């Protein structure tokens, strides 16, 4: 599934999710919470959640990925 909030599509980027296999992680959709972060990109709303095994996940708006060096990214997650 793709995670959206309003008109924005969100993604998982390896910079925010170290040690997590982004292409195989399973999201617990009930865990998602919006959180404003003034330190990310001058201030954005992140989505925080957990994987099915309890690992913390951070989603950023898709249009902001690839701004912090080389990384992996995915829009689609299992649930």
PDB file of N, CA and C in Angstrom:
ATOM      1  N   UNK A   1       0.835  -1.169   0.000  1.00  0.00           N
ATOM      2  CA  UNK A   1       0.000   0.000   0.000  1.00  0.00           C
ATOM      3  C   UNK A   1       0.883   1.236   0.000  1.00  0.00           C
ATOM      4  N   UNK A   2       0.348   2.340  -0.446  1.00  0.00           N
ATOM      5  CA  UNK A   2       1.030   3.629  -0.368  1.00  0.00           C
ATOM      6  C   UNK A   2       0.407   4.407   0.783  1.00  0.00           C
ATOM      7  N   UNK A   3       1.236   5.157   1.506  1.00  0.00           N
ATOM      8  CA  UNK A   3       0.772   5.941   2.650  1.00  0.00           C
ATOM      9  C   UNK A   3       0.585   7.385   2.199  1.00  0.00           C
ATOM     10  N   UNK A   4      -0.597   7.934   2.441  1.00  0.00           N
ATOM     11  CA  UNK A   4      -0.885   9.315   2.076  1.00  0.00           C
ATOM     12  C   UNK A   4      -1.474  10.057   3.268  1.00  0.00           C
ATOM     13  N   UNK A   5      -1.350  11.374   3.211  1.00  0.00           N
ATOM     14  CA  UNK A   5      -1.998  12.248   4.192  1.00  0.00           C
ATOM     15  C   UNK A   5      -2.446  13.470   3.406  1.00  0.00           C
ATOM     16  N   UNK A   6      -3.753  13.637   3.281  1.00  0.00           N
ATOM     17  CA  UNK A   6      -4.258  14.684   2.400  1.00  0.00           C
ATOM     18  C   UNK A   6      -3.773  14.400   0.992  1.00  0.00           C
ATOM     19  N   UNK A   7      -3.275  15.421   0.292  1.00  0.00           N
ATOM     20  CA  UNK A   7      -2.816  15.204  -1.082  1.00  0.00           C
ATOM     21  C   UNK A   7      -1.383  14.683  -1.179  1.00  0.00           C
ATOM     22  N   UNK A   8      -0.695  14.526  -0.051  1.00  0.00           N
ATOM     23  CA  UNK A   8       0.720  14.129  -0.083  1.00  0.00           C
ATOM     24  C   UNK A   8       0.902  12.621   0.004  1.00  0.00           C
ATOM     25  N   UNK A   9       1.794  12.116  -0.826  1.00  0.00           N
ATOM     26  CA  UNK A   9       2.242  10.728  -0.756  1.00  0.00           C
ATOM     27  C   UNK A   9       3.497  10.726   0.107  1.00  0.00           C
ATOM     28  N   UNK A  10       3.605   9.766   1.010  1.00  0.00           N
ATOM     29  CA  UNK A  10       4.757   9.645   1.906  1.00  0.00           C
ATOM     30  C   UNK A  10       5.606   8.451   1.509  1.00  0.00           C
ATOM     31  N   UNK A  11       6.868   8.467   1.931  1.00  0.00           N
ATOM     32  CA  UNK A  11       7.768   7.363   1.612  1.00  0.00           C
ATOM     33  C   UNK A  11       8.669   7.063   2.809  1.00  0.00           C
ATOM     34  N   UNK A  12       9.225   5.878   2.785  1.00  0.00           N
ATOM     35  CA  UNK A  12      10.262   5.487   3.734  1.00  0.00           C
ATOM     36  C   UNK A  12      11.599   5.713   3.061  1.00  0.00           C
ATOM     37  N   UNK A  13      12.520   6.382   3.752  1.00  0.00           N
ATOM     38  CA  UNK A  13      13.861   6.590   3.230  1.00  0.00           C
ATOM     39  C   UNK A  13      14.848   6.004   4.242  1.00  0.00           C
ATOM     40  N   UNK A  14      15.892   5.358   3.748  1.00  0.00           N
ATOM     41  CA  UNK A  14      16.834   4.674   4.640  1.00  0.00           C
ATOM     42  C   UNK A  14      17.537   5.634   5.594  1.00  0.00           C
ATOM     43  N   UNK A  15      17.672   6.906   5.246  1.00  0.00           N
ATOM     44  CA  UNK A  15      18.292   7.891   6.133  1.00  0.00           C
ATOM     45  C   UNK A  15      17.535   7.966   7.467  1.00  0.00           C
ATOM     46  N   UNK A  16      16.223   7.869   7.408  1.00  0.00           N
ATOM     47  CA  UNK A  16      15.381   7.971   8.608  1.00  0.00           C
ATOM     48  C   UNK A  16      15.092   6.630   9.258  1.00  0.00           C
ATOM     49  N   UNK A  17      15.408   5.551   8.563  1.00  0.00           N
ATOM     50  CA  UNK A  17      15.068   4.210   9.036  1.00  0.00           C
ATOM     51  C   UNK A  17      16.270   3.272   8.937  1.00  0.00           C
ATOM     52  N   UNK A  18      17.360   3.578   9.640  1.00  0.00           N
ATOM     53  CA  UNK A  18      18.569   2.753   9.530  1.00  0.00           C
ATOM     54  C   UNK A  18      18.335   1.324  10.031  1.00  0.00           C
ATOM     55  N   UNK A  19      18.909   0.388   9.310  1.00  0.00           N
ATOM     56  CA  UNK A  19      18.826  -1.005   9.718  1.00  0.00           C
ATOM     57  C   UNK A  19      17.521  -1.700   9.365  1.00  0.00           C
ATOM     58  N   UNK A  20      16.626  -1.007   8.667  1.00  0.00           N
ATOM     59  CA  UNK A  20      15.341  -1.605   8.297  1.00  0.00           C
ATOM     60  C   UNK A  20      15.358  -1.922   6.803  1.00  0.00           C
ATOM     61  N   UNK A  21      14.922  -3.127   6.455  1.00  0.00           N
ATOM     62  CA  UNK A  21      14.806  -3.519   5.054  1.00  0.00           C
ATOM     63  C   UNK A  21      13.536  -2.867   4.503  1.00  0.00           C
ATOM     64  N   UNK A  22      13.691  -1.722   3.867  1.00  0.00           N
ATOM     65  CA  UNK A  22      12.551  -0.938   3.407  1.00  0.00           C
ATOM     66  C   UNK A  22      11.649  -1.684   2.433  1.00  0.00           C
ATOM     67  N   UNK A  23      12.212  -2.641   1.712  1.00  0.00           N
ATOM     68  CA  UNK A  23      11.455  -3.322   0.675  1.00  0.00           C
ATOM     69  C   UNK A  23      10.699  -4.546   1.191  1.00  0.00           C
ATOM     70  N   UNK A  24      10.922  -4.899   2.453  1.00  0.00           N
ATOM     71  CA  UNK A  24      10.231  -6.053   3.020  1.00  0.00           C
ATOM     72  C   UNK A  24       9.561  -5.776   4.355  1.00  0.00           C
ATOM     73  N   UNK A  25       9.661  -4.557   4.859  1.00  0.00           N
ATOM     74  CA  UNK A  25       9.069  -4.240   6.156  1.00  0.00           C
ATOM     75  C   UNK A  25       7.544  -4.236   6.037  1.00  0.00           C
ATOM     76  N   UNK A  26       6.903  -4.710   7.086  1.00  0.00           N
ATOM     77  CA  UNK A  26       5.439  -4.754   7.124  1.00  0.00           C
ATOM     78  C   UNK A  26       4.949  -3.690   8.098  1.00  0.00           C
ATOM     79  N   UNK A  27       4.084  -2.807   7.634  1.00  0.00           N
ATOM     80  CA  UNK A  27       3.566  -1.703   8.431  1.00  0.00           C
ATOM     81  C   UNK A  27       2.337  -2.114   9.224  1.00  0.00           C
ATOM     82  N   UNK A  28       2.285  -1.684  10.473  1.00  0.00           N
ATOM     83  CA  UNK A  28       1.048  -1.764  11.263  1.00  0.00           C
ATOM     84  C   UNK A  28       0.314  -0.451  11.001  1.00  0.00           C
ATOM     85  N   UNK A  29      -0.687  -0.437  10.109  1.00  0.00           N
ATOM     86  CA  UNK A  29      -1.325   0.824   9.720  1.00  0.00           C
ATOM     87  C   UNK A  29      -2.007   1.557  10.877  1.00  0.00           C
ATOM     88  N   UNK A  30      -2.411   0.850  11.903  1.00  0.00           N
ATOM     89  CA  UNK A  30      -3.053   1.491  13.060  1.00  0.00           C
ATOM     90  C   UNK A  30      -2.060   2.284  13.899  1.00  0.00           C
ATOM     91  N   UNK A  31      -0.767   2.100  13.662  1.00  0.00           N
ATOM     92  CA  UNK A  31       0.249   2.783  14.466  1.00  0.00           C
ATOM     93  C   UNK A  31       0.612   4.167  13.929  1.00  0.00           C
ATOM     94  N   UNK A  32       0.162   4.532  12.741  1.00  0.00           N
ATOM     95  CA  UNK A  32       0.574   5.791  12.125  1.00  0.00           C
ATOM     96  C   UNK A  32       0.049   7.009  12.876  1.00  0.00           C
ATOM     97  N   UNK A  33       0.947   7.961  13.113  1.00  0.00           N
ATOM     98  CA  UNK A  33       0.623   9.228  13.781  1.00  0.00           C
ATOM     99  C   UNK A  33       1.360  10.348  13.053  1.00  0.00           C
ATOM    100  N   UNK A  34       0.678  11.450  12.816  1.00  0.00           N
ATOM    101  CA  UNK A  34       1.322  12.630  12.236  1.00  0.00           C
ATOM    102  C   UNK A  34       2.075  13.364  13.333  1.00  0.00           C
ATOM    103  N   UNK A  35       3.257  13.875  12.994  1.00  0.00           N
ATOM    104  CA  UNK A  35       4.085  14.598  13.960  1.00  0.00           C
ATOM    105  C   UNK A  35       4.822  15.725  13.241  1.00  0.00           C
ATOM    106  N   UNK A  36       4.661  16.949  13.707  1.00  0.00           N
ATOM    107  CA  UNK A  36       5.392  18.064  13.116  1.00  0.00           C
ATOM    108  C   UNK A  36       6.834  18.029  13.604  1.00  0.00           C
ATOM    109  N   UNK A  37       7.783  18.166  12.671  1.00  0.00           N
ATOM    110  CA  UNK A  37       9.208  18.197  13.005  1.00  0.00           C
ATOM    111  C   UNK A  37       9.812  19.493  12.484  1.00  0.00           C
ATOM    112  N   UNK A  38      10.157  20.416  13.375  1.00  0.00           N
ATOM    113  CA  UNK A  38      10.765  21.672  12.924  1.00  0.00           C
ATOM    114  C   UNK A  38      12.197  21.499  12.417  1.00  0.00           C
ATOM    115  N   UNK A  39      12.834  20.367  12.720  1.00  0.00           N
ATOM    116  CA  UNK A  39      14.231  20.161  12.329  1.00  0.00           C
ATOM    117  C   UNK A  39      14.395  19.487  10.965  1.00  0.00           C
ATOM    118  N   UNK A  40      13.382  18.885  10.431  1.00  0.00           N
ATOM    119  CA  UNK A  40      13.457  18.244   9.114  1.00  0.00           C
ATOM    120  C   UNK A  40      13.084  19.257   8.034  1.00  0.00           C
ATOM    121  N   UNK A  41      14.008  19.543   7.148  1.00  0.00           N
ATOM    122  CA  UNK A  41      13.734  20.369   5.962  1.00  0.00           C
ATOM    123  C   UNK A  41      13.107  21.722   6.295  1.00  0.00           C
ATOM    124  N   UNK A  42      13.419  22.286   7.441  1.00  0.00           N
ATOM    125  CA  UNK A  42      12.874  23.588   7.825  1.00  0.00           C
ATOM    126  C   UNK A  42      11.486  23.533   8.422  1.00  0.00           C
ATOM    127  N   UNK A  43      10.965  22.323   8.630  1.00  0.00           N
ATOM    128  CA  UNK A  43       9.655  22.142   9.250  1.00  0.00           C
ATOM    129  C   UNK A  43       8.690  21.408   8.344  1.00  0.00           C
ATOM    130  N   UNK A  44       8.406  20.140   8.679  1.00  0.00           N
ATOM    131  CA  UNK A  44       7.459  19.328   7.902  1.00  0.00           C
ATOM    132  C   UNK A  44       6.673  18.435   8.855  1.00  0.00           C
ATOM    133  N   UNK A  45       5.610  17.865   8.336  1.00  0.00           N
ATOM    134  CA  UNK A  45       4.875  16.853   9.075  1.00  0.00           C
ATOM    135  C   UNK A  45       5.366  15.485   8.635  1.00  0.00           C
ATOM    136  N   UNK A  46       5.921  14.745   9.587  1.00  0.00           N
ATOM    137  CA  UNK A  46       6.339  13.359   9.381  1.00  0.00           C
ATOM    138  C   UNK A  46       5.185  12.447   9.760  1.00  0.00           C
ATOM    139  N   UNK A  47       5.244  11.220   9.317  1.00  0.00           N
ATOM    140  CA  UNK A  47       4.353  10.187   9.827  1.00  0.00           C
ATOM    141  C   UNK A  47       5.215   9.173  10.540  1.00  0.00           C
ATOM    142  N   UNK A  48       4.890   8.912  11.787  1.00  0.00           N
ATOM    143  CA  UNK A  48       5.610   7.915  12.584  1.00  0.00           C
ATOM    144  C   UNK A  48       4.696   6.709  12.756  1.00  0.00           C
ATOM    145  N   UNK A  49       5.308   5.547  12.707  1.00  0.00           N
ATOM    146  CA  UNK A  49       4.550   4.323  12.885  1.00  0.00           C
ATOM    147  C   UNK A  49       5.456   3.205  13.342  1.00  0.00           C
ATOM    148  N   UNK A  50       4.932   2.002  13.301  1.00  0.00           N
ATOM    149  CA  UNK A  50       5.690   0.813  13.709  1.00  0.00           C
ATOM    150  C   UNK A  50       5.461  -0.292  12.686  1.00  0.00           C
ATOM    151  N   UNK A  51       6.481  -1.122  12.595  1.00  0.00           N
ATOM    152  CA  UNK A  51       6.351  -2.309  11.749  1.00  0.00           C
ATOM    153  C   UNK A  51       5.538  -3.347  12.511  1.00  0.00           C
ATOM    154  N   UNK A  52       5.182  -4.407  11.836  1.00  0.00           N
ATOM    155  CA  UNK A  52       4.460  -5.491  12.484  1.00  0.00           C
ATOM    156  C   UNK A  52       5.228  -6.114  13.630  1.00  0.00           C
ATOM    157  N   UNK A  53       6.580  -6.001  13.588  1.00  0.00           N
ATOM    158  CA  UNK A  53       7.412  -6.545  14.664  1.00  0.00           C
ATOM    159  C   UNK A  53       7.806  -5.481  15.688  1.00  0.00           C
ATOM    160  N   UNK A  54       7.242  -4.271  15.563  1.00  0.00           N
ATOM    161  CA  UNK A  54       7.473  -3.232  16.559  1.00  0.00           C
ATOM    162  C   UNK A  54       8.606  -2.264  16.273  1.00  0.00           C
ATOM    163  N   UNK A  55       9.264  -2.383  15.127  1.00  0.00           N
ATOM    164  CA  UNK A  55      10.335  -1.445  14.788  1.00  0.00           C
ATOM    165  C   UNK A  55       9.738  -0.072  14.472  1.00  0.00           C
ATOM    166  N   UNK A  56      10.374   1.015  14.938  1.00  0.00           N
ATOM    167  CA  UNK A  56       9.866   2.346  14.604  1.00  0.00           C
ATOM    168  C   UNK A  56      10.112   2.678  13.136  1.00  0.00           C
ATOM    169  N   UNK A  57       9.137   3.332  12.518  1.00  0.00           N
ATOM    170  CA  UNK A  57       9.241   3.743  11.119  1.00  0.00           C
ATOM    171  C   UNK A  57       8.953   5.236  11.011  1.00  0.00           C
ATOM    172  N   UNK A  58       9.680   5.917  10.137  1.00  0.00           N
ATOM    173  CA  UNK A  58       9.466   7.332   9.881  1.00  0.00           C
ATOM    174  C   UNK A  58       9.231   7.530   8.387  1.00  0.00           C
ATOM    175  N   UNK A  59       8.097   8.110   8.048  1.00  0.00           N
ATOM    176  CA  UNK A  59       7.755   8.428   6.664  1.00  0.00           C
ATOM    177  C   UNK A  59       7.908   9.926   6.451  1.00  0.00           C
ATOM    178  N   UNK A  60       8.483  10.302   5.308  1.00  0.00           N
ATOM    179  CA  UNK A  60       8.586  11.709   4.938  1.00  0.00           C
ATOM    180  C   UNK A  60       7.789  11.929   3.649  1.00  0.00           C
ATOM    181  N   UNK A  61       7.384  13.167   3.356  1.00  0.00           N
ATOM    182  CA  UNK A  61       6.714  13.417   2.080  1.00  0.00           C
ATOM    183  C   UNK A  61       7.617  13.010   0.912  1.00  0.00           C
ATOM    184  N   UNK A  62       7.039  12.333  -0.056  1.00  0.00           N
ATOM    185  CA  UNK A  62       7.776  11.794  -1.195  1.00  0.00           C
ATOM    186  C   UNK A  62       8.620  12.853  -1.899  1.00  0.00           C
ATOM    187  N   UNK A  63       8.087  14.057  -2.041  1.00  0.00           N
ATOM    188  CA  UNK A  63       8.802  15.077  -2.807  1.00  0.00           C
ATOM    189  C   UNK A  63      10.101  15.531  -2.139  1.00  0.00           C
ATOM    190  N   UNK A  64      10.336  15.148  -0.886  1.00  0.00           N
ATOM    191  CA  UNK A  64      11.542  15.571  -0.171  1.00  0.00           C
ATOM    192  C   UNK A  64      12.660  14.523  -0.138  1.00  0.00           C
ATOM    193  N   UNK A  65      12.437  13.346  -0.678  1.00  0.00           N
ATOM    194  CA  UNK A  65      13.468  12.323  -0.566  1.00  0.00           C
ATOM    195  C   UNK A  65      14.662  12.673  -1.463  1.00  0.00           C
ATOM    196  N   UNK A  66      15.798  12.038  -1.178  1.00  0.00           N
ATOM    197  CA  UNK A  66      17.047  12.194  -1.934  1.00  0.00           C
ATOM    198  C   UNK A  66      17.681  13.573  -1.750  1.00  0.00           C
ATOM    199  N   UNK A  67      17.485  14.179  -0.584  1.00  0.00           N
ATOM    200  CA  UNK A  67      18.093  15.469  -0.288  1.00  0.00           C
ATOM    201  C   UNK A  67      19.195  15.382   0.766  1.00  0.00           C
ATOM    202  N   UNK A  68      19.491  14.155   1.237  1.00  0.00           N
ATOM    203  CA  UNK A  68      20.452  14.011   2.335  1.00  0.00           C
ATOM    204  C   UNK A  68      21.481  12.943   2.038  1.00  0.00           C
ATOM    205  N   UNK A  69      21.924  12.870   0.813  1.00  0.00           N
ATOM    206  CA  UNK A  69      22.923  11.877   0.420  1.00  0.00           C
ATOM    207  C   UNK A  69      22.275  10.635  -0.163  1.00  0.00           C
ATOM    208  N   UNK A  70      23.120   9.677  -0.512  1.00  0.00           N
ATOM    209  CA  UNK A  70      22.624   8.429  -1.094  1.00  0.00           C
ATOM    210  C   UNK A  70      21.751   7.687  -0.111  1.00  0.00           C
ATOM    211  N   UNK A  71      20.654   7.139  -0.621  1.00  0.00           N
ATOM    212  CA  UNK A  71      19.756   6.381   0.242  1.00  0.00           C
ATOM    213  C   UNK A  71      18.850   5.498  -0.605  1.00  0.00           C
ATOM    214  N   UNK A  72      18.214   4.563   0.081  1.00  0.00           N
ATOM    215  CA  UNK A  72      17.165   3.761  -0.544  1.00  0.00           C
ATOM    216  C   UNK A  72      15.838   4.396  -0.173  1.00  0.00           C
ATOM    217  N   UNK A  73      14.821   4.171  -1.007  1.00  0.00           N
ATOM    218  CA  UNK A  73      13.510   4.751  -0.761  1.00  0.00           C
ATOM    219  C   UNK A  73      12.446   3.827  -1.329  1.00  0.00           C
ATOM    220  N   UNK A  74      11.288   3.802  -0.658  1.00  0.00           N
ATOM    221  CA  UNK A  74      10.131   3.116  -1.200  1.00  0.00           C
ATOM    222  C   UNK A  74       8.870   3.870  -0.807  1.00  0.00           C
ATOM    223  N   UNK A  75       7.918   3.851  -1.700  1.00  0.00           N
ATOM    224  CA  UNK A  75       6.601   4.410  -1.428  1.00  0.00           C
ATOM    225  C   UNK A  75       5.681   3.301  -0.935  1.00  0.00           C
ATOM    226  N   UNK A  76       5.845   2.113  -1.461  1.00  0.00           N
ATOM    227  CA  UNK A  76       4.940   1.009  -1.156  1.00  0.00           C
ATOM    228  C   UNK A  76       5.444   0.159  -0.001  1.00  0.00           C
ATOM    229  N   UNK A  77       4.563  -0.146   0.926  1.00  0.00           N
ATOM    230  CA  UNK A  77       4.895  -1.002   2.065  1.00  0.00           C
ATOM    231  C   UNK A  77       3.850  -2.099   2.195  1.00  0.00           C
ATOM    232  N   UNK A  78       4.269  -3.200   2.786  1.00  0.00           N
ATOM    233  CA  UNK A  78       3.350  -4.308   3.059  1.00  0.00           C
ATOM    234  C   UNK A  78       2.556  -3.996   4.324  1.00  0.00           C
ATOM    235  N   UNK A  79       1.388  -4.567   4.436  1.00  0.00           N
ATOM    236  CA  UNK A  79       0.593  -4.410   5.654  1.00  0.00           C
ATOM    237  C   UNK A  79      -0.138  -5.686   5.971  1.00  0.00           C
TER     238      UNK A  79
END
